[in-house]
């Protein structure tokens, strides 16, 4: 993957009203990117658009649910008609639930897979024509360290992120033929509203709340990875340590996880 300058590039960010999505939108604007912002909360999107405008960059808010084909179409149409095209697609929107799998209803997994996996897959498919015409185009899929190492009490969320990571790896060589790069972000614990909008369960987990990185720090790591043409990036040293331990000593990590099952 080639290094890229971000000045005057055009990006679409989903889940842009808060957390990593909001921080990414602001950081990309700081680097000279014009943006389409897709999320459900109109007032929050307007706030992000003002932050983007402070850097003299354009921000087009699109209010809608990423699982809605019409919302995805409106976002892509805005990129084409208002910005003149699309260079970077950031699939960031996500939802989660906490709790033991055996105690969960069968319905819990479906909205998680819809938002975290099916929606980004379909948005990539729909964005390919625009991206092919873009400048050094890239798809950025915001995954999780739980897409590399599953966790008890987060089985459905882990599954959705494993699916996104696996899809990204599989489709990367196909998109490379079209000149489109793919970056997968294994995001570690981050200070966001993620735990405040759970589909089910509470923010309290058996192991407590680990230290979380500010969303702004995570966004800077991701933007640097975009600029450097990275294929994969893990945010936070604790996350990198966990994944290293899981690769070298998977049995030990299994035993630690079993304490909280």
C-alpha atoms as a PDB file:
ATOM      1  CA  UNK A   1       0.000   0.000   0.000  1.00  0.00           C
ATOM      2  CA  UNK A   2       1.232   3.454  -0.920  1.00  0.00           C
ATOM      3  CA  UNK A   3       1.659   6.422   1.384  1.00  0.00           C
ATOM      4  CA  UNK A   4      -1.032   9.053   0.842  1.00  0.00           C
ATOM      5  CA  UNK A   5      -1.484  12.754   1.494  1.00  0.00           C
ATOM      6  CA  UNK A   6      -4.917  13.590   2.867  1.00  0.00           C
ATOM      7  CA  UNK A   7      -5.213  17.225   1.787  1.00  0.00           C
ATOM      8  CA  UNK A   8      -8.324  17.716  -0.369  1.00  0.00           C
ATOM      9  CA  UNK A   9      -9.352  14.056  -0.080  1.00  0.00           C
ATOM     10  CA  UNK A  10     -13.012  13.062   0.367  1.00  0.00           C
ATOM     11  CA  UNK A  11     -14.247  10.636   3.023  1.00  0.00           C
ATOM     12  CA  UNK A  12     -17.479   9.043   4.218  1.00  0.00           C
ATOM     13  CA  UNK A  13     -17.574   8.160   7.927  1.00  0.00           C
ATOM     14  CA  UNK A  14     -20.394   6.094   9.438  1.00  0.00           C
ATOM     15  CA  UNK A  15     -21.281   6.336  13.110  1.00  0.00           C
ATOM     16  CA  UNK A  16     -19.902   9.862  12.955  1.00  0.00           C
ATOM     17  CA  UNK A  17     -21.974  11.431  15.742  1.00  0.00           C
ATOM     18  CA  UNK A  18     -19.882  10.202  18.688  1.00  0.00           C
ATOM     19  CA  UNK A  19     -16.870   8.210  19.864  1.00  0.00           C
ATOM     20  CA  UNK A  20     -14.259   7.064  17.382  1.00  0.00           C
ATOM     21  CA  UNK A  21     -16.376   8.179  14.410  1.00  0.00           C
ATOM     22  CA  UNK A  22     -16.651  11.735  15.662  1.00  0.00           C
ATOM     23  CA  UNK A  23     -12.971  11.891  16.588  1.00  0.00           C
ATOM     24  CA  UNK A  24     -12.009  10.482  13.191  1.00  0.00           C
ATOM     25  CA  UNK A  25     -14.118  13.059  11.365  1.00  0.00           C
ATOM     26  CA  UNK A  26     -12.435  15.895  13.257  1.00  0.00           C
ATOM     27  CA  UNK A  27      -8.929  14.468  12.794  1.00  0.00           C
ATOM     28  CA  UNK A  28      -9.478  13.889   9.074  1.00  0.00           C
ATOM     29  CA  UNK A  29     -10.750  17.458   8.709  1.00  0.00           C
ATOM     30  CA  UNK A  30      -7.641  18.663  10.547  1.00  0.00           C
ATOM     31  CA  UNK A  31      -5.582  16.891   7.853  1.00  0.00           C
ATOM     32  CA  UNK A  32      -7.537  18.553   5.027  1.00  0.00           C
ATOM     33  CA  UNK A  33     -10.317  16.073   4.249  1.00  0.00           C
ATOM     34  CA  UNK A  34     -13.899  16.943   3.230  1.00  0.00           C
ATOM     35  CA  UNK A  35     -16.512  14.651   4.732  1.00  0.00           C
ATOM     36  CA  UNK A  36     -19.892  13.003   4.471  1.00  0.00           C
ATOM     37  CA  UNK A  37     -21.065  12.126   7.989  1.00  0.00           C
ATOM     38  CA  UNK A  38     -23.640   9.349   8.413  1.00  0.00           C
ATOM     39  CA  UNK A  39     -25.331   8.680  11.760  1.00  0.00           C
ATOM     40  CA  UNK A  40     -28.777   8.597  13.359  1.00  0.00           C
ATOM     41  CA  UNK A  41     -28.606  11.628  15.668  1.00  0.00           C
ATOM     42  CA  UNK A  42     -29.222  14.884  13.804  1.00  0.00           C
ATOM     43  CA  UNK A  43     -28.183  17.292  16.566  1.00  0.00           C
ATOM     44  CA  UNK A  44     -24.953  15.406  17.212  1.00  0.00           C
ATOM     45  CA  UNK A  45     -24.135  15.357  13.510  1.00  0.00           C
ATOM     46  CA  UNK A  46     -24.673  19.116  13.328  1.00  0.00           C
ATOM     47  CA  UNK A  47     -22.163  19.565  16.156  1.00  0.00           C
ATOM     48  CA  UNK A  48     -19.570  17.451  14.357  1.00  0.00           C
ATOM     49  CA  UNK A  49     -20.180  19.362  11.129  1.00  0.00           C
ATOM     50  CA  UNK A  50     -19.402  22.622  12.985  1.00  0.00           C
ATOM     51  CA  UNK A  51     -16.145  21.141  14.272  1.00  0.00           C
ATOM     52  CA  UNK A  52     -15.205  20.119  10.738  1.00  0.00           C
ATOM     53  CA  UNK A  53     -16.091  23.569   9.401  1.00  0.00           C
ATOM     54  CA  UNK A  54     -13.681  25.104  11.921  1.00  0.00           C
ATOM     55  CA  UNK A  55     -10.878  23.592   9.814  1.00  0.00           C
ATOM     56  CA  UNK A  56     -12.370  25.135   6.642  1.00  0.00           C
ATOM     57  CA  UNK A  57     -13.434  21.717   5.368  1.00  0.00           C
ATOM     58  CA  UNK A  58     -16.834  20.672   4.098  1.00  0.00           C
ATOM     59  CA  UNK A  59     -19.072  18.387   6.159  1.00  0.00           C
ATOM     60  CA  UNK A  60     -22.321  16.983   4.790  1.00  0.00           C
ATOM     61  CA  UNK A  61     -24.453  15.384   7.526  1.00  0.00           C
ATOM     62  CA  UNK A  62     -26.715  12.532   6.470  1.00  0.00           C
ATOM     63  CA  UNK A  63     -29.187  11.452   9.129  1.00  0.00           C
ATOM     64  CA  UNK A  64     -29.995   7.761   8.899  1.00  0.00           C
ATOM     65  CA  UNK A  65     -29.302   4.220  10.014  1.00  0.00           C
ATOM     66  CA  UNK A  66     -26.398   2.495   8.298  1.00  0.00           C
ATOM     67  CA  UNK A  67     -28.505  -0.684   8.019  1.00  0.00           C
ATOM     68  CA  UNK A  68     -30.988   1.237   5.839  1.00  0.00           C
ATOM     69  CA  UNK A  69     -30.154   0.928   2.131  1.00  0.00           C
ATOM     70  CA  UNK A  70     -31.747   4.333   1.469  1.00  0.00           C
ATOM     71  CA  UNK A  71     -29.509   6.022   4.055  1.00  0.00           C
ATOM     72  CA  UNK A  72     -26.408   4.425   2.524  1.00  0.00           C
ATOM     73  CA  UNK A  73     -27.516   5.539  -0.943  1.00  0.00           C
ATOM     74  CA  UNK A  74     -28.092   9.129   0.251  1.00  0.00           C
ATOM     75  CA  UNK A  75     -24.622   9.202   1.808  1.00  0.00           C
ATOM     76  CA  UNK A  76     -22.949   7.955  -1.355  1.00  0.00           C
ATOM     77  CA  UNK A  77     -25.006  10.324  -3.501  1.00  0.00           C
ATOM     78  CA  UNK A  78     -23.858  13.205  -1.279  1.00  0.00           C
ATOM     79  CA  UNK A  79     -20.223  12.188  -1.736  1.00  0.00           C
ATOM     80  CA  UNK A  80     -20.671  12.119  -5.509  1.00  0.00           C
ATOM     81  CA  UNK A  81     -22.861  15.193  -5.943  1.00  0.00           C
ATOM     82  CA  UNK A  82     -21.523  17.483  -3.199  1.00  0.00           C
ATOM     83  CA  UNK A  83     -17.869  16.466  -2.923  1.00  0.00           C
ATOM     84  CA  UNK A  84     -17.323  15.216  -6.450  1.00  0.00           C
ATOM     85  CA  UNK A  85     -16.387  11.677  -5.442  1.00  0.00           C
ATOM     86  CA  UNK A  86     -15.052   9.472  -2.665  1.00  0.00           C
ATOM     87  CA  UNK A  87     -11.502   8.518  -1.691  1.00  0.00           C
ATOM     88  CA  UNK A  88     -11.908   6.998   1.794  1.00  0.00           C
ATOM     89  CA  UNK A  89     -14.780   4.941   3.201  1.00  0.00           C
ATOM     90  CA  UNK A  90     -14.698   4.503   6.989  1.00  0.00           C
ATOM     91  CA  UNK A  91     -17.021   1.788   8.330  1.00  0.00           C
ATOM     92  CA  UNK A  92     -17.185   2.763  11.988  1.00  0.00           C
ATOM     93  CA  UNK A  93     -20.816   2.396  13.129  1.00  0.00           C
ATOM     94  CA  UNK A  94     -21.257  -0.408  15.648  1.00  0.00           C
ATOM     95  CA  UNK A  95     -23.417  -1.800  18.448  1.00  0.00           C
ATOM     96  CA  UNK A  96     -22.843  -4.355  21.190  1.00  0.00           C
ATOM     97  CA  UNK A  97     -24.478  -6.347  23.969  1.00  0.00           C
ATOM     98  CA  UNK A  98     -23.117  -7.897  27.144  1.00  0.00           C
ATOM     99  CA  UNK A  99     -24.089 -11.140  28.829  1.00  0.00           C
ATOM    100  CA  UNK A 100     -23.603 -14.894  28.680  1.00  0.00           C
ATOM    101  CA  UNK A 101     -24.579 -16.501  25.401  1.00  0.00           C
ATOM    102  CA  UNK A 102     -26.634 -19.266  27.051  1.00  0.00           C
ATOM    103  CA  UNK A 103     -28.759 -16.665  28.847  1.00  0.00           C
ATOM    104  CA  UNK A 104     -29.387 -14.492  25.777  1.00  0.00           C
ATOM    105  CA  UNK A 105     -32.380 -14.537  23.472  1.00  0.00           C
ATOM    106  CA  UNK A 106     -31.817 -15.717  19.887  1.00  0.00           C
ATOM    107  CA  UNK A 107     -32.782 -12.225  18.718  1.00  0.00           C
ATOM    108  CA  UNK A 108     -29.771 -10.553  20.344  1.00  0.00           C
ATOM    109  CA  UNK A 109     -27.241 -11.485  17.707  1.00  0.00           C
ATOM    110  CA  UNK A 110     -29.185 -10.308  14.669  1.00  0.00           C
ATOM    111  CA  UNK A 111     -29.077  -6.502  15.106  1.00  0.00           C
ATOM    112  CA  UNK A 112     -25.411  -6.774  16.093  1.00  0.00           C
ATOM    113  CA  UNK A 113     -24.576  -8.619  12.882  1.00  0.00           C
ATOM    114  CA  UNK A 114     -26.738  -6.222  10.851  1.00  0.00           C
ATOM    115  CA  UNK A 115     -24.894  -3.118  12.076  1.00  0.00           C
ATOM    116  CA  UNK A 116     -21.389  -4.489  12.592  1.00  0.00           C
ATOM    117  CA  UNK A 117     -21.116  -6.801   9.587  1.00  0.00           C
ATOM    118  CA  UNK A 118     -23.866  -6.745   6.970  1.00  0.00           C
ATOM    119  CA  UNK A 119     -24.113  -2.939   6.766  1.00  0.00           C
ATOM    120  CA  UNK A 120     -20.389  -2.320   6.165  1.00  0.00           C
ATOM    121  CA  UNK A 121     -20.223  -5.182   3.673  1.00  0.00           C
ATOM    122  CA  UNK A 122     -23.114  -3.731   1.675  1.00  0.00           C
ATOM    123  CA  UNK A 123     -21.745  -0.187   1.905  1.00  0.00           C
ATOM    124  CA  UNK A 124     -18.413  -1.379   0.515  1.00  0.00           C
ATOM    125  CA  UNK A 125     -20.223  -3.093  -2.345  1.00  0.00           C
ATOM    126  CA  UNK A 126     -22.246   0.025  -3.105  1.00  0.00           C
ATOM    127  CA  UNK A 127     -19.222   2.342  -2.815  1.00  0.00           C
ATOM    128  CA  UNK A 128     -16.914   0.435  -5.187  1.00  0.00           C
ATOM    129  CA  UNK A 129     -17.812   2.455  -8.323  1.00  0.00           C
ATOM    130  CA  UNK A 130     -17.101   5.752  -6.524  1.00  0.00           C
ATOM    131  CA  UNK A 131     -13.948   4.458  -4.873  1.00  0.00           C
ATOM    132  CA  UNK A 132     -12.544   3.115  -8.164  1.00  0.00           C
ATOM    133  CA  UNK A 133     -12.720   6.661  -9.522  1.00  0.00           C
ATOM    134  CA  UNK A 134     -11.166   8.140  -6.361  1.00  0.00           C
ATOM    135  CA  UNK A 135      -7.618   9.217  -5.551  1.00  0.00           C
ATOM    136  CA  UNK A 136      -5.635   6.446  -3.803  1.00  0.00           C
ATOM    137  CA  UNK A 137      -8.930   4.988  -2.542  1.00  0.00           C
ATOM    138  CA  UNK A 138      -9.126   3.080   0.720  1.00  0.00           C
ATOM    139  CA  UNK A 139     -11.707   1.222   2.787  1.00  0.00           C
ATOM    140  CA  UNK A 140     -11.156   1.522   6.550  1.00  0.00           C
ATOM    141  CA  UNK A 141     -13.001  -1.079   8.606  1.00  0.00           C
ATOM    142  CA  UNK A 142     -13.093  -0.288  12.325  1.00  0.00           C
ATOM    143  CA  UNK A 143     -12.928  -3.693  13.942  1.00  0.00           C
ATOM    144  CA  UNK A 144     -11.822  -4.677  17.416  1.00  0.00           C
ATOM    145  CA  UNK A 145      -9.249  -6.685  19.296  1.00  0.00           C
ATOM    146  CA  UNK A 146     -12.271  -8.935  19.945  1.00  0.00           C
ATOM    147  CA  UNK A 147     -12.195  -9.642  16.221  1.00  0.00           C
ATOM    148  CA  UNK A 148      -8.841 -11.317  16.852  1.00  0.00           C
ATOM    149  CA  UNK A 149      -9.474 -12.821  20.301  1.00  0.00           C
ATOM    150  CA  UNK A 150     -13.049 -13.528  21.404  1.00  0.00           C
ATOM    151  CA  UNK A 151     -14.230 -12.691  24.904  1.00  0.00           C
ATOM    152  CA  UNK A 152     -16.806 -14.230  27.240  1.00  0.00           C
ATOM    153  CA  UNK A 153     -19.909 -12.091  27.816  1.00  0.00           C
ATOM    154  CA  UNK A 154     -19.312 -10.564  24.378  1.00  0.00           C
ATOM    155  CA  UNK A 155     -19.846 -13.585  22.140  1.00  0.00           C
ATOM    156  CA  UNK A 156     -22.117 -11.936  19.571  1.00  0.00           C
ATOM    157  CA  UNK A 157     -20.016  -8.783  19.357  1.00  0.00           C
ATOM    158  CA  UNK A 158     -16.841 -10.865  19.021  1.00  0.00           C
ATOM    159  CA  UNK A 159     -18.461 -12.909  16.255  1.00  0.00           C
ATOM    160  CA  UNK A 160     -19.479  -9.791  14.325  1.00  0.00           C
ATOM    161  CA  UNK A 161     -15.951  -8.384  14.499  1.00  0.00           C
ATOM    162  CA  UNK A 162     -14.344 -11.710  13.556  1.00  0.00           C
ATOM    163  CA  UNK A 163     -16.645 -11.717  10.527  1.00  0.00           C
ATOM    164  CA  UNK A 164     -15.630  -8.177   9.586  1.00  0.00           C
ATOM    165  CA  UNK A 165     -11.919  -8.943   9.982  1.00  0.00           C
ATOM    166  CA  UNK A 166     -12.203 -12.147   7.955  1.00  0.00           C
ATOM    167  CA  UNK A 167     -14.215 -10.471   5.203  1.00  0.00           C
ATOM    168  CA  UNK A 168     -11.675  -7.636   5.041  1.00  0.00           C
ATOM    169  CA  UNK A 169      -8.787 -10.063   4.611  1.00  0.00           C
ATOM    170  CA  UNK A 170     -10.668 -12.041   1.975  1.00  0.00           C
ATOM    171  CA  UNK A 171     -11.785  -9.063  -0.074  1.00  0.00           C
ATOM    172  CA  UNK A 172      -8.486  -7.145   0.195  1.00  0.00           C
ATOM    173  CA  UNK A 173      -6.805  -8.868  -2.800  1.00  0.00           C
ATOM    174  CA  UNK A 174      -9.989  -8.514  -4.848  1.00  0.00           C
ATOM    175  CA  UNK A 175     -10.219  -4.792  -4.166  1.00  0.00           C
ATOM    176  CA  UNK A 176      -6.470  -4.409  -4.743  1.00  0.00           C
ATOM    177  CA  UNK A 177      -7.108  -5.415  -8.375  1.00  0.00           C
ATOM    178  CA  UNK A 178      -9.403  -2.390  -8.568  1.00  0.00           C
ATOM    179  CA  UNK A 179      -6.825  -0.090  -6.965  1.00  0.00           C
ATOM    180  CA  UNK A 180      -8.608   0.069  -3.599  1.00  0.00           C
ATOM    181  CA  UNK A 181      -6.676  -0.497  -0.349  1.00  0.00           C
ATOM    182  CA  UNK A 182      -8.199  -2.012   2.799  1.00  0.00           C
ATOM    183  CA  UNK A 183      -7.176  -1.092   6.345  1.00  0.00           C
ATOM    184  CA  UNK A 184      -8.471  -3.129   9.299  1.00  0.00           C
ATOM    185  CA  UNK A 185      -8.381  -1.465  12.712  1.00  0.00           C
ATOM    186  CA  UNK A 186      -8.321  -3.714  15.784  1.00  0.00           C
ATOM    187  CA  UNK A 187      -9.500  -1.102  18.248  1.00  0.00           C
ATOM    188  CA  UNK A 188      -8.830  -1.659  21.922  1.00  0.00           C
ATOM    189  CA  UNK A 189     -10.858  -0.258  24.842  1.00  0.00           C
ATOM    190  CA  UNK A 190     -11.780   3.333  24.013  1.00  0.00           C
ATOM    191  CA  UNK A 191     -13.546   6.135  25.874  1.00  0.00           C
ATOM    192  CA  UNK A 192     -16.803   6.277  23.901  1.00  0.00           C
ATOM    193  CA  UNK A 193     -20.557   5.952  24.426  1.00  0.00           C
ATOM    194  CA  UNK A 194     -20.253   2.303  23.392  1.00  0.00           C
ATOM    195  CA  UNK A 195     -21.097   1.089  26.897  1.00  0.00           C
ATOM    196  CA  UNK A 196     -23.987   3.541  27.257  1.00  0.00           C
ATOM    197  CA  UNK A 197     -25.941   2.249  24.253  1.00  0.00           C
ATOM    198  CA  UNK A 198     -25.772  -1.508  24.723  1.00  0.00           C
ATOM    199  CA  UNK A 199     -28.577  -3.506  23.133  1.00  0.00           C
ATOM    200  CA  UNK A 200     -28.615  -5.693  26.222  1.00  0.00           C
ATOM    201  CA  UNK A 201     -26.709  -6.025  29.488  1.00  0.00           C
ATOM    202  CA  UNK A 202     -24.856  -3.451  31.560  1.00  0.00           C
ATOM    203  CA  UNK A 203     -21.517  -1.704  31.272  1.00  0.00           C
ATOM    204  CA  UNK A 204     -20.219  -3.723  34.235  1.00  0.00           C
ATOM    205  CA  UNK A 205     -18.292  -6.845  33.271  1.00  0.00           C
ATOM    206  CA  UNK A 206     -16.804  -9.524  35.579  1.00  0.00           C
ATOM    207  CA  UNK A 207     -13.271  -8.203  35.081  1.00  0.00           C
ATOM    208  CA  UNK A 208     -14.226  -4.583  35.740  1.00  0.00           C
ATOM    209  CA  UNK A 209     -13.486  -1.708  33.401  1.00  0.00           C
ATOM    210  CA  UNK A 210      -9.985  -1.757  31.872  1.00  0.00           C
ATOM    211  CA  UNK A 211      -8.174   1.501  31.102  1.00  0.00           C
ATOM    212  CA  UNK A 212      -9.537   3.094  27.952  1.00  0.00           C
ATOM    213  CA  UNK A 213      -7.801   5.296  25.418  1.00  0.00           C
ATOM    214  CA  UNK A 214      -9.346   8.650  24.541  1.00  0.00           C
ATOM    215  CA  UNK A 215     -11.183   8.477  21.225  1.00  0.00           C
ATOM    216  CA  UNK A 216      -8.985  11.298  19.935  1.00  0.00           C
ATOM    217  CA  UNK A 217      -5.823   9.241  20.500  1.00  0.00           C
ATOM    218  CA  UNK A 218      -7.368   6.275  18.710  1.00  0.00           C
ATOM    219  CA  UNK A 219      -8.371   8.531  15.816  1.00  0.00           C
ATOM    220  CA  UNK A 220      -4.815   9.855  15.468  1.00  0.00           C
ATOM    221  CA  UNK A 221      -3.484   6.287  15.326  1.00  0.00           C
ATOM    222  CA  UNK A 222      -5.988   5.390  12.610  1.00  0.00           C
ATOM    223  CA  UNK A 223      -5.298   8.485  10.527  1.00  0.00           C
ATOM    224  CA  UNK A 224      -1.549   7.845  10.682  1.00  0.00           C
ATOM    225  CA  UNK A 225      -2.222   4.295   9.467  1.00  0.00           C
ATOM    226  CA  UNK A 226      -4.274   5.679   6.570  1.00  0.00           C
ATOM    227  CA  UNK A 227      -1.475   8.089   5.624  1.00  0.00           C
ATOM    228  CA  UNK A 228       1.158   5.354   5.799  1.00  0.00           C
ATOM    229  CA  UNK A 229      -0.861   2.872   3.773  1.00  0.00           C
ATOM    230  CA  UNK A 230      -1.058   0.273   6.518  1.00  0.00           C
ATOM    231  CA  UNK A 231      -3.012  -2.956   6.111  1.00  0.00           C
ATOM    232  CA  UNK A 232      -3.697  -3.522   9.817  1.00  0.00           C
ATOM    233  CA  UNK A 233      -3.330  -1.508  12.989  1.00  0.00           C
ATOM    234  CA  UNK A 234      -3.983  -2.261  16.679  1.00  0.00           C
ATOM    235  CA  UNK A 235      -4.757   0.677  18.960  1.00  0.00           C
ATOM    236  CA  UNK A 236      -3.172   0.777  22.423  1.00  0.00           C
ATOM    237  CA  UNK A 237      -0.193  -1.079  23.856  1.00  0.00           C
ATOM    238  CA  UNK A 238      -2.355  -3.207  26.158  1.00  0.00           C
ATOM    239  CA  UNK A 239      -4.283  -4.446  23.152  1.00  0.00           C
ATOM    240  CA  UNK A 240      -1.079  -5.302  21.299  1.00  0.00           C
ATOM    241  CA  UNK A 241       0.162  -7.152  24.378  1.00  0.00           C
ATOM    242  CA  UNK A 242      -3.057  -9.188  24.623  1.00  0.00           C
ATOM    243  CA  UNK A 243      -2.917 -10.213  20.972  1.00  0.00           C
ATOM    244  CA  UNK A 244       0.779 -11.113  21.273  1.00  0.00           C
ATOM    245  CA  UNK A 245       0.053 -13.251  24.337  1.00  0.00           C
ATOM    246  CA  UNK A 246      -2.825 -14.937  22.534  1.00  0.00           C
ATOM    247  CA  UNK A 247      -0.573 -15.764  19.591  1.00  0.00           C
ATOM    248  CA  UNK A 248       2.288 -17.101  21.716  1.00  0.00           C
ATOM    249  CA  UNK A 249       0.403 -18.592  24.677  1.00  0.00           C
ATOM    250  CA  UNK A 250      -3.215 -19.221  23.629  1.00  0.00           C
ATOM    251  CA  UNK A 251      -3.732 -21.829  26.358  1.00  0.00           C
ATOM    252  CA  UNK A 252      -2.753 -19.389  29.069  1.00  0.00           C
ATOM    253  CA  UNK A 253      -5.125 -16.759  27.695  1.00  0.00           C
ATOM    254  CA  UNK A 254      -7.882 -19.380  27.532  1.00  0.00           C
ATOM    255  CA  UNK A 255      -7.389 -20.189  31.203  1.00  0.00           C
ATOM    256  CA  UNK A 256      -7.516 -16.522  32.162  1.00  0.00           C
ATOM    257  CA  UNK A 257     -10.699 -16.030  30.148  1.00  0.00           C
ATOM    258  CA  UNK A 258     -12.243 -19.133  31.755  1.00  0.00           C
ATOM    259  CA  UNK A 259     -12.179 -17.405  35.151  1.00  0.00           C
ATOM    260  CA  UNK A 260     -14.825 -15.012  33.924  1.00  0.00           C
ATOM    261  CA  UNK A 261     -17.024 -17.426  31.964  1.00  0.00           C
END
